[in-house]
Structures are given as structure tokens and as C-alpha cells.
Amino acid sequence: MTIKEAQEAVDQWINTTGVRYFNELTNMTILTEEVGELARIMARTYGEQSFKESDKDRNLEDEMADVLWVLMCLANQTGVDLTQALHKNFEKKNIRDIDRHKNNEKLK
């Protein structure tokens, strides 16, 4: 599935099963919540925190997909083509960061 196809699939689901989009501010808040849930798993899996009983059924893949889902909702609502945006972002990084990371002593 391409990013465009995924955006279209999210839109179709929202407009049928989901009835309608939450407003943009609500979705931004939901995105923040989902990123927090992802951060919790990362901190407990790769960081120094231990899992709580309530964390044990959490799934890294599922939390990442939740973040992506809500991001696609926001993109659909605001008219952002994420494929095009990602291409432009690569162009920006390729110009801005052409030597930046190679010259970073911290990365050697």
C-alpha cells in the first residue's frame, strides 16, 4: 500500500465506519496522546523504565500504526498529500544536511 492509498483508505473508513472526522484540534490532541502511548512502550522496551501490568498488552507496531492513522486523518483534513510532502522533505534535507551529519563529531 502506498502512502496515497493509505490516506484514501483512512478517508474511506472515516466516512463510512467512522461517520465523520473529529475536528482538527481534537485529532491533534489524539495524535499527541498516541505519540505518548508509543513513547511509553519505547521507554519501557528500550529505556530504563519497567513495564506496569497495564502496559504488558501494548504492542509497538499497533501504537506506531495509531500514530500514522491519526497523522493521515490530519493530512486528509488539511489537504496535505503526504507523498508529496515527504518528497519535498527529502529534497530539503538533501540540501540542508548534505554534509551536516558527516561532519558531526558526535556521530563518529
Protein backbone atom coordinates (compact mmCIF):
# COMPACT_ATOMS: atom_id res chain seq x y z
CA MET A 1 0.00 0.00 0.00
CA THR A 2 1.37 3.41 -0.92
CA ILE A 3 1.04 6.45 1.31
CA LYS A 4 -1.59 7.85 -1.08
CA GLU A 5 -3.56 4.60 -0.97
CA ALA A 6 -3.34 4.59 2.81
CA GLN A 7 -4.63 8.18 3.01
CA GLU A 8 -7.52 7.21 0.73
CA ALA A 9 -8.28 4.08 2.78
CA VAL A 10 -8.33 6.09 6.01
CA ASP A 11 -10.64 8.63 4.38
CA GLN A 12 -13.00 5.91 3.16
CA TRP A 13 -13.08 4.27 6.61
CA ILE A 14 -13.70 7.59 8.37
CA ASN A 15 -16.55 8.48 6.02
CA THR A 16 -18.27 5.11 6.35
CA THR A 17 -17.49 3.29 9.58
CA GLY A 18 -16.23 6.31 11.47
CA VAL A 19 -19.15 8.52 10.33
CA ARG A 20 -17.01 11.71 10.11
CA TYR A 21 -13.65 13.15 11.09
CA PHE A 22 -13.14 14.60 14.53
CA ASN A 23 -12.21 18.26 14.17
CA GLU A 24 -8.57 19.14 13.55
CA LEU A 25 -7.85 20.25 17.11
CA THR A 26 -9.35 17.06 18.53
CA ASN A 27 -7.27 14.98 16.11
CA MET A 28 -4.13 16.93 17.04
CA THR A 29 -4.82 16.10 20.68
CA ILE A 30 -5.43 12.44 19.80
CA LEU A 31 -2.14 12.40 17.86
CA THR A 32 -0.33 13.73 20.93
CA GLU A 33 -1.98 11.03 23.03
CA GLU A 34 -0.97 8.30 20.57
CA VAL A 35 2.63 9.55 20.47
CA GLY A 36 2.61 9.39 24.27
CA GLU A 37 1.46 5.77 24.18
CA LEU A 38 4.25 4.99 21.71
CA ALA A 39 6.74 6.79 23.95
CA ARG A 40 5.61 4.72 26.93
CA ILE A 41 6.36 1.47 25.11
CA MET A 42 9.71 2.78 23.83
CA ALA A 43 10.73 3.91 27.32
CA ARG A 44 9.87 0.56 28.80
CA THR A 45 11.26 -1.58 25.99
CA TYR A 46 14.45 0.32 25.17
CA GLY A 47 14.81 2.64 28.15
CA GLU A 48 15.21 2.10 31.83
CA GLN A 49 11.59 2.04 32.92
CA SER A 50 9.93 -1.23 33.82
CA PHE A 51 6.59 -2.33 32.44
CA LYS A 52 3.49 -1.83 34.54
CA GLU A 53 0.84 -4.52 34.44
CA SER A 54 -1.35 -2.21 32.31
CA ASP A 55 1.49 -1.84 29.75
CA LYS A 56 2.04 -5.52 29.12
CA ASP A 57 -0.60 -5.90 26.40
CA ARG A 58 0.63 -2.86 24.46
CA ASN A 59 2.07 -3.52 21.02
CA LEU A 60 4.79 -1.36 19.43
CA GLU A 61 3.52 -1.97 15.88
CA ASP A 62 -0.03 -1.11 16.82
CA GLU A 63 0.98 2.11 18.58
CA MET A 64 3.06 3.20 15.56
CA ALA A 65 0.10 2.45 13.30
CA ASP A 66 -2.17 4.53 15.57
CA VAL A 67 0.21 7.50 15.20
CA LEU A 68 0.27 7.05 11.43
CA TRP A 69 -3.54 6.73 11.27
CA VAL A 70 -4.20 9.99 13.10
CA LEU A 71 -1.46 11.77 11.12
CA MET A 72 -3.21 10.66 7.93
CA CYS A 73 -6.52 11.93 9.30
CA LEU A 74 -4.95 15.34 9.89
CA ALA A 75 -3.36 15.31 6.44
CA ASN A 76 -6.70 14.46 4.82
CA GLN A 77 -8.49 17.17 6.78
CA THR A 78 -5.96 19.86 5.90
CA GLY A 79 -5.42 18.87 2.26
CA VAL A 80 -1.86 17.62 2.69
CA ASP A 81 -0.64 14.99 0.23
CA LEU A 82 1.79 13.11 2.47
CA THR A 83 3.57 11.52 -0.51
CA GLN A 84 4.32 14.93 -1.98
CA ALA A 85 5.19 16.35 1.45
CA LEU A 86 7.65 13.52 2.10
CA HIS A 87 9.33 14.04 -1.28
CA LYS A 88 9.71 17.76 -0.54
CA ASN A 89 11.06 16.94 2.91
CA PHE A 90 13.73 14.68 1.40
CA GLU A 91 14.70 17.46 -1.01
CA LYS A 92 15.02 19.92 1.88
CA LYS A 93 17.12 17.51 3.94
CA ASN A 94 19.35 16.61 0.99
CA ILE A 95 20.21 20.28 0.51
CA ARG A 96 20.36 21.41 4.14
CA ASP A 97 22.08 18.35 5.59
CA ILE A 98 24.34 17.27 2.73
CA ASP A 99 27.44 17.39 4.95
CA ARG A 100 25.97 18.20 8.34
CA HIS A 101 25.86 14.67 9.74
CA LYS A 102 29.10 13.58 8.06
CA ASN A 103 30.86 16.45 9.82
CA ASN A 104 29.26 15.84 13.20
CA GLU A 105 31.99 14.61 15.54
CA LYS A 106 29.34 13.18 17.87
CA LEU A 107 28.34 10.66 15.19
CA LYS A 108 31.83 9.30 14.55
